[in-house]
Structures are given as C-alpha cells and as structure tokens.
C-alpha cells in the first residue's frame, strides 16, 4: 500500500493505517488484534528496524470490527525520505498490509530553511528595507492622502420639475471644520444657489455630502464643483466637473413628437417638412398603391389620392427617373 500524502520528515505525532486480513476467509478480521501486532521499518532502503510506536484498532461507525488498525509512528520512524513498513500478527492466518510512504521536509506554518537567513531580515537589503522603501515612495503617500470628490458626470435637465444629484467627499483625515463647496459654470458664473448648502454635511467617518438641483429652466453647461477645507490649519481644496445636459429632455421631446397621430398625406411633402411628416409620407407610400408605366410611377395613399409621381425616360443607354413631384 503506497501513500502520497504529506507526511513530514523527522516529525513526531504522525500515524499510518493498514488492514489485517484473515487468509481463511480472505476478508478483514473481525477481532481486535492490536496487542498481537508488530512492525519493521526500512528507512530509505536501509536495513529494517523494529517499530517502537503503538498500535490501535480503528472501529467502524457502528463500533464493529473492520480489520483496520493505526500505527503511531515515532519521530525516529519518520527520519527519512522514503519509509517502508512491514507489519505482522502472531495470530495464525492473519496477514497485514505493507505500507510505503514518502515524507516532505517542509510544512505550512513551520519555519523553513532560509527563513532565518541574515539577508532576509537585514535592515539594509532585506524585507524590512523593502517595506521601508515602499512606504517612502511619494506616489504611495499621495494615493493614501488623496481626497475623493465624486458626483455624476452628467446632470439631466428635466423637461419639467427638478432633478437632484448627490455630491460626496471622502477625506483621508478629519478636517478642522466641515468643508465648504461652491458651484460655477465654465465662465465662472456662480451656480451655488442650486446647492442644498454651501457647507457639506457629515455622512460618515470623514465623509461629507450635499445635493445639487437642476430644473427645466436651466441651460446646458459645464459645471465645476470646488470643495475647500483646512486640515491642521493647512488649506486644502479639490474640484470635479459635471455636464448639465438636455439630452434626455431632447429624447423625450422626440418621443412625444413621433407619438402624435398624423393624417395620411395627400401630396408630396416638401424638403422643409418635419421629420414626422416625412415619415408619415413614407408610410403612406409603403401602405398605398403604386402604379407604374414605361414613362411614370405614381404613388397613392390608402384613400387613392395621388401623393407623388416619378417620371422616367430612356435615352437608349440608361433609364432616367426624376424626383417625386
């Protein structure tokens, strides 16, 4: 029986298991035979030596005998890379499995060869020095000490009513007092009147918040939010941008325009007609009657009214069609 489990070299407190078979039945024995067991161990192919560890029977879950036994290896038993155990019983007709195992010199959580090397813990070149060097990199300090001012990058201007966004600030350290905030457009015109307050309210551990409200009368423009505070009497500030846009309002207006019911056209739409009128004309052409002759194609709506005629001529080389009129 060969085991590839992680046994440790020259370490006490480990055990192996094996079966004892009754050769008269070729089945595991049904008695506790541990007192009659002994063993020999060959370490790395050397001459076998007597096993000095203890044997114990392993009962089944219902406490019945299953012919299974455990051998508690001594530390000396494990002092090799390859261990070969041969067990025997003084009881007649009882034979035991042989057990072959390999050991590993290393274990998780146990100091390994090299852990105590001077270079590892050296204050100039070792781990401690590396930690100190990383801590001293300016960008690391800047990342750790950078405040975070956050708000949506777009502010939808509603077609009616108002729309509110939150502006939040996270600081690396407690300020001397609550931060203040100002809002302005790209031309530096103040928009702070739209803030819920120019003093930010605490919303958590060194975190602050205000809101900004847009209404349907506001223009599309870029907004700049600037927060200021002092930390240890040192003045600090941070800014972020947001774009107030009527994009969603424009989409709503388009949807409304296209949702208006239209009568079928009774003639050709002009080049200056609205998009919805042009779409209505195209729908009428698709749904109505089309009459074609060698010289003209006539489009009619579903009521039979002519809504456009396209003439055609043939110069012997190509057929030329005019625009719809």
Protein backbone atom coordinates (compact mmCIF):
# COMPACT_ATOMS: atom_id res chain seq x y z
CA UNK A 1 0.00 0.00 0.00
CA UNK A 2 1.62 3.28 -1.18
CA UNK A 3 0.63 6.67 0.24
CA UNK A 4 1.43 10.02 -1.41
CA UNK A 5 0.08 12.09 1.47
CA UNK A 6 2.05 14.95 3.03
CA UNK A 7 3.94 13.17 5.79
CA UNK A 8 6.69 15.24 7.43
CA UNK A 9 10.26 14.12 7.78
CA UNK A 10 11.64 13.59 11.29
CA UNK A 11 8.46 14.85 12.99
CA UNK A 12 6.60 13.04 15.79
CA UNK A 13 2.81 12.77 16.12
CA UNK A 14 2.02 11.17 12.74
CA UNK A 15 0.31 7.86 12.00
CA UNK A 16 -0.47 5.44 9.19
CA UNK A 17 -3.27 2.90 8.78
CA UNK A 18 -3.35 -0.63 7.39
CA UNK A 19 -5.62 -3.68 7.09
CA UNK A 20 -5.31 -7.13 8.64
CA UNK A 21 -6.78 -9.98 6.57
CA UNK A 22 -7.85 -13.45 7.68
CA UNK A 23 -6.42 -15.76 4.99
CA UNK A 24 -9.03 -18.45 5.73
CA UNK A 25 -11.78 -16.11 4.50
CA UNK A 26 -9.74 -13.53 2.55
CA UNK A 27 -11.73 -10.90 4.46
CA UNK A 28 -10.73 -8.28 7.05
CA UNK A 29 -10.51 -9.76 10.53
CA UNK A 30 -13.39 -9.27 12.97
CA UNK A 31 -11.42 -9.11 16.22
CA UNK A 32 -9.23 -6.53 17.97
CA UNK A 33 -5.75 -7.90 17.27
CA UNK A 34 -3.69 -4.80 18.12
CA UNK A 35 -1.91 -6.49 21.05
CA UNK A 36 -0.53 -9.13 18.68
CA UNK A 37 0.81 -6.72 16.07
CA UNK A 38 4.42 -5.64 15.47
CA UNK A 39 6.28 -3.95 12.68
CA UNK A 40 9.56 -3.38 10.86
CA UNK A 41 10.54 -0.13 9.12
CA UNK A 42 13.12 0.30 6.36
CA UNK A 43 14.21 3.95 6.02
CA UNK A 44 15.50 4.98 2.60
CA UNK A 45 16.20 1.34 1.69
CA UNK A 46 18.36 0.66 4.75
CA UNK A 47 18.13 -2.43 6.98
CA UNK A 48 14.75 -2.69 8.70
CA UNK A 49 14.46 -1.78 12.36
CA UNK A 50 11.74 -2.69 14.83
CA UNK A 51 8.84 -0.25 15.12
CA UNK A 52 8.60 1.31 18.57
CA UNK A 53 5.23 3.05 18.18
CA UNK A 54 1.81 1.92 19.41
CA UNK A 55 -0.94 0.05 17.52
CA UNK A 56 -4.65 0.89 17.89
CA UNK A 57 -7.74 -0.68 16.36
CA UNK A 58 -9.98 1.63 14.26
CA UNK A 59 -13.61 0.63 14.75
CA UNK A 60 -16.36 1.17 12.15
CA UNK A 61 -19.04 3.84 12.69
CA UNK A 62 -21.28 1.21 14.31
CA UNK A 63 -18.38 0.18 16.59
CA UNK A 64 -17.95 -3.11 14.76
CA UNK A 65 -14.56 -4.58 13.88
CA UNK A 66 -13.36 -3.86 10.33
CA UNK A 67 -9.81 -5.19 10.43
CA UNK A 68 -8.37 -1.66 10.28
CA UNK A 69 -5.52 -0.53 12.54
CA UNK A 70 -3.47 2.60 13.14
CA UNK A 71 0.25 2.71 13.84
CA UNK A 72 1.52 5.83 15.66
CA UNK A 73 4.96 6.48 14.16
CA UNK A 74 7.75 7.61 16.43
CA UNK A 75 9.90 10.54 15.33
CA UNK A 76 12.71 8.10 14.55
CA UNK A 77 10.33 6.19 12.25
CA UNK A 78 9.97 9.28 10.03
CA UNK A 79 13.64 10.30 9.77
CA UNK A 80 13.95 9.58 6.05
CA UNK A 81 12.50 10.48 2.66
CA UNK A 82 11.09 7.01 1.85
CA UNK A 83 9.66 4.76 4.57
CA UNK A 84 8.67 1.10 4.07
CA UNK A 85 6.66 -0.55 6.86
CA UNK A 86 6.00 -4.30 7.13
CA UNK A 87 3.53 -5.40 9.81
CA UNK A 88 2.75 -8.88 11.13
CA UNK A 89 0.50 -10.60 13.68
CA UNK A 90 1.24 -13.53 15.95
CA UNK A 91 -2.32 -14.73 15.38
CA UNK A 92 -2.50 -17.66 12.98
CA UNK A 93 -3.71 -16.93 9.44
CA UNK A 94 -3.63 -13.17 9.97
CA UNK A 95 -1.61 -11.15 7.41
CA UNK A 96 -1.10 -7.37 7.32
CA UNK A 97 -0.77 -4.82 4.54
CA UNK A 98 2.66 -3.34 3.91
CA UNK A 99 2.73 0.47 3.88
CA UNK A 100 5.16 2.64 1.86
CA UNK A 101 5.18 6.40 2.32
CA UNK A 102 7.25 9.42 1.30
CA UNK A 103 7.94 12.39 3.53
CA UNK A 104 8.34 16.12 2.97
CA UNK A 105 10.84 18.22 4.84
CA UNK A 106 8.59 21.32 4.89
CA UNK A 107 5.26 22.19 6.48
CA UNK A 108 2.95 25.20 6.27
CA UNK A 109 3.42 27.46 9.25
CA UNK A 110 6.76 25.89 10.19
CA UNK A 111 9.96 27.90 9.78
CA UNK A 112 11.75 26.65 6.67
CA UNK A 113 15.42 26.51 5.83
CA UNK A 114 16.32 30.05 4.79
CA UNK A 115 13.74 31.86 6.93
CA UNK A 116 16.48 32.83 9.32
CA UNK A 117 18.98 33.84 6.63
CA UNK A 118 20.56 37.13 7.60
CA UNK A 119 19.79 38.75 4.23
CA UNK A 120 16.01 38.22 4.66
CA UNK A 121 15.83 40.26 7.84
CA UNK A 122 18.69 42.59 7.02
CA UNK A 123 17.67 46.22 7.63
CA UNK A 124 19.55 47.41 4.53
CA UNK A 125 18.71 44.79 1.91
CA UNK A 126 16.05 42.51 3.44
CA UNK A 127 12.27 42.54 3.81
CA UNK A 128 12.27 45.34 6.37
CA UNK A 129 14.25 47.54 3.99
CA UNK A 130 11.86 46.84 1.14
CA UNK A 131 8.88 47.74 3.32
CA UNK A 132 10.55 50.99 4.34
CA UNK A 133 11.39 51.83 0.72
CA UNK A 134 7.81 51.27 -0.47
CA UNK A 135 6.42 53.38 2.37
CA UNK A 136 8.73 56.20 1.31
CA UNK A 137 7.63 56.33 -2.34
CA UNK A 138 5.87 59.71 -2.81
CA UNK A 139 3.13 58.35 -5.07
CA UNK A 140 2.14 55.86 -2.38
CA UNK A 141 1.75 58.73 0.09
CA UNK A 142 -0.22 60.74 -2.47
CA UNK A 143 -2.62 57.90 -3.19
CA UNK A 144 -3.15 57.30 0.51
CA UNK A 145 -3.66 61.01 1.24
CA UNK A 146 -5.78 61.95 -1.80
CA UNK A 147 -9.33 63.18 -1.07
CA UNK A 148 -12.12 61.87 -3.29
CA UNK A 149 -14.81 64.26 -4.56
CA UNK A 150 -17.47 62.41 -6.52
CA UNK A 151 -20.62 63.29 -8.46
CA UNK A 152 -22.37 62.04 -11.63
CA UNK A 153 -20.55 63.16 -14.78
CA UNK A 154 -23.83 64.21 -16.42
CA UNK A 155 -26.77 66.10 -14.88
CA UNK A 156 -30.02 65.61 -16.81
CA UNK A 157 -32.02 68.83 -17.14
CA UNK A 158 -35.65 67.69 -16.90
CA UNK A 159 -38.38 68.85 -19.30
CA UNK A 160 -40.43 69.76 -16.23
CA UNK A 161 -39.88 69.78 -12.49
CA UNK A 162 -36.44 69.20 -10.97
CA UNK A 163 -33.64 66.63 -10.91
CA UNK A 164 -31.31 66.18 -7.92
CA UNK A 165 -27.81 64.69 -7.77
CA UNK A 166 -25.59 63.96 -4.75
CA UNK A 167 -22.04 65.29 -4.39
CA UNK A 168 -19.90 63.36 -1.92
CA UNK A 169 -16.48 63.92 -0.39
CA UNK A 170 -14.20 61.38 1.35
CA UNK A 171 -11.16 62.68 3.21
CA UNK A 172 -8.02 60.85 4.36
CA UNK A 173 -8.07 62.68 7.71
CA UNK A 174 -10.50 64.71 9.80
CA UNK A 175 -10.73 68.39 8.77
CA UNK A 176 -10.58 71.26 11.23
CA UNK A 177 -14.21 72.04 10.36
CA UNK A 178 -16.86 70.98 7.86
CA UNK A 179 -15.75 71.52 4.21
CA UNK A 180 -17.44 74.21 2.13
CA UNK A 181 -18.45 73.86 -1.53
CA UNK A 182 -19.02 76.26 -4.42
CA UNK A 183 -20.59 75.64 -7.84
CA UNK A 184 -19.88 77.61 -11.03
CA UNK A 185 -20.13 77.20 -14.79
CA UNK A 186 -17.19 77.25 -17.19
CA UNK A 187 -17.41 81.06 -17.38
CA UNK A 188 -17.04 81.25 -13.59
CA UNK A 189 -20.67 82.37 -13.09
CA UNK A 190 -21.84 81.15 -9.70
CA UNK A 191 -24.34 78.29 -9.55
CA UNK A 192 -24.07 77.79 -5.78
CA UNK A 193 -27.72 78.83 -5.37
CA UNK A 194 -28.64 75.38 -6.67
CA UNK A 195 -26.72 73.62 -3.87
CA UNK A 196 -28.63 72.34 -0.84
CA UNK A 197 -25.97 74.10 1.27
CA UNK A 198 -22.54 75.60 0.78
CA UNK A 199 -21.37 73.73 3.90
CA UNK A 200 -21.18 69.97 3.42
CA UNK A 201 -22.92 67.71 5.94
CA UNK A 202 -21.17 64.76 7.57
CA UNK A 203 -22.43 61.45 6.14
CA UNK A 204 -19.99 59.02 7.76
CA UNK A 205 -16.44 58.70 9.00
CA UNK A 206 -14.65 61.74 7.45
CA UNK A 207 -17.26 61.67 4.65
CA UNK A 208 -19.48 64.59 3.59
CA UNK A 209 -22.39 65.24 1.24
CA UNK A 210 -24.52 67.95 -0.41
CA UNK A 211 -27.05 67.89 -3.26
CA UNK A 212 -27.37 69.97 -6.43
CA UNK A 213 -30.77 70.59 -8.06
CA UNK A 214 -31.40 71.26 -11.76
CA UNK A 215 -34.77 72.43 -13.06
CA UNK A 216 -36.29 72.70 -16.51
CA UNK A 217 -35.27 76.36 -16.93
CA UNK A 218 -31.54 75.67 -16.60
CA UNK A 219 -29.25 75.91 -19.61
CA UNK A 220 -26.93 73.22 -20.86
CA UNK A 221 -23.48 73.98 -19.48
CA UNK A 222 -20.40 72.55 -17.81
CA UNK A 223 -20.39 72.80 -14.03
CA UNK A 224 -17.40 72.88 -11.69
CA UNK A 225 -17.76 71.93 -8.02
CA UNK A 226 -14.93 73.08 -5.74
CA UNK A 227 -14.63 71.96 -2.12
CA UNK A 228 -12.36 73.70 0.38
CA UNK A 229 -11.31 72.85 3.96
CA UNK A 230 -8.42 73.10 6.38
CA UNK A 231 -6.56 70.22 7.94
CA UNK A 232 -4.18 71.05 10.75
CA UNK A 233 -4.53 74.73 9.72
CA UNK A 234 -3.35 73.84 6.20
CA UNK A 235 -5.73 74.97 3.44
CA UNK A 236 -6.80 72.22 1.03
CA UNK A 237 -9.21 72.00 -1.93
CA UNK A 238 -10.39 69.62 -4.62
CA UNK A 239 -12.61 70.04 -7.70
CA UNK A 240 -14.65 67.91 -10.06
CA UNK A 241 -16.73 68.52 -13.21
CA UNK A 242 -20.26 67.72 -14.32
CA UNK A 243 -22.15 68.41 -17.58
CA UNK A 244 -25.72 69.70 -17.31
CA UNK A 245 -27.45 68.43 -20.45
CA UNK A 246 -30.89 68.36 -22.03
CA UNK A 247 -30.09 65.12 -23.85
CA UNK A 248 -32.75 63.15 -22.01
CA UNK A 249 -35.20 66.04 -22.47
CA UNK A 250 -34.49 66.05 -26.20
CA UNK A 251 -35.14 62.32 -26.35
CA UNK A 252 -38.43 62.83 -24.52
CA UNK A 253 -39.42 65.64 -26.92
CA UNK A 254 -38.61 63.42 -29.93
CA UNK A 255 -40.64 60.57 -28.48
CA UNK A 256 -43.58 62.91 -27.90
CA UNK A 257 -43.38 64.29 -31.43
CA UNK A 258 -43.29 60.86 -33.00
CA UNK A 259 -46.19 59.70 -30.85
CA UNK A 260 -48.60 62.29 -32.30
CA UNK A 261 -51.14 60.73 -34.69
CA UNK A 262 -50.90 62.05 -38.28
CA UNK A 263 -53.39 62.05 -41.16
CA UNK A 264 -52.19 60.41 -44.33
CA UNK A 265 -50.57 62.97 -46.67
CA UNK A 266 -52.50 63.99 -49.80
CA UNK A 267 -49.46 65.21 -51.68
CA UNK A 268 -45.71 65.29 -51.82
CA UNK A 269 -44.03 66.58 -48.66
CA UNK A 270 -41.58 69.45 -49.09
CA UNK A 271 -37.88 69.32 -48.35
CA UNK A 272 -38.50 71.58 -45.36
CA UNK A 273 -41.19 69.33 -43.86
CA UNK A 274 -40.78 67.95 -40.36
CA UNK A 275 -39.30 64.53 -39.75
CA UNK A 276 -42.64 63.17 -38.59
CA UNK A 277 -44.36 64.47 -41.80
CA UNK A 278 -41.68 62.81 -43.93
CA UNK A 279 -42.05 59.54 -42.03
CA UNK A 280 -45.85 59.71 -42.49
CA UNK A 281 -45.38 60.18 -46.28
CA UNK A 282 -43.00 57.19 -46.47
CA UNK A 283 -45.50 55.06 -44.53
CA UNK A 284 -48.27 56.09 -46.93
CA UNK A 285 -46.11 55.12 -49.93
CA UNK A 286 -45.40 51.72 -48.40
CA UNK A 287 -49.03 51.06 -47.50
CA UNK A 288 -50.72 52.58 -50.56
CA UNK A 289 -50.94 51.77 -54.27
CA UNK A 290 -48.09 52.16 -56.76
CA UNK A 291 -48.87 52.33 -60.48
CA UNK A 292 -46.02 52.04 -62.98
CA UNK A 293 -45.84 52.61 -66.74
CA UNK A 294 -42.90 52.92 -69.09
CA UNK A 295 -42.86 56.67 -68.52
CA UNK A 296 -44.00 57.21 -64.93
CA UNK A 297 -44.53 55.74 -61.48
CA UNK A 298 -47.45 57.07 -59.43
CA UNK A 299 -47.76 56.69 -55.64
CA UNK A 300 -51.17 56.80 -53.97
CA UNK A 301 -52.25 56.75 -50.33
CA UNK A 302 -54.73 54.22 -49.00
CA UNK A 303 -57.62 56.54 -49.96
CA UNK A 304 -56.45 56.54 -53.58
CA UNK A 305 -55.15 60.11 -53.58
CA UNK A 306 -52.04 60.67 -55.66
CA UNK A 307 -49.24 61.70 -53.30
CA UNK A 308 -46.37 61.70 -55.78
CA UNK A 309 -45.32 60.93 -59.33
CA UNK A 310 -41.90 59.94 -60.64
CA UNK A 311 -41.34 60.28 -64.43
CA UNK A 312 -38.90 58.13 -66.38
CA UNK A 313 -37.17 58.45 -69.76
CA UNK A 314 -34.86 56.17 -71.72
CA UNK A 315 -32.07 57.65 -73.84
CA UNK A 316 -31.11 54.27 -75.22
CA UNK A 317 -28.32 53.79 -72.70
CA UNK A 318 -29.87 54.32 -69.27
CA UNK A 319 -33.31 54.87 -67.82
CA UNK A 320 -33.50 58.23 -66.03
CA UNK A 321 -36.02 58.70 -63.21
CA UNK A 322 -36.94 62.13 -61.95
CA UNK A 323 -37.56 63.08 -58.35
CA UNK A 324 -41.04 62.60 -56.93
CA UNK A 325 -43.31 65.57 -57.59
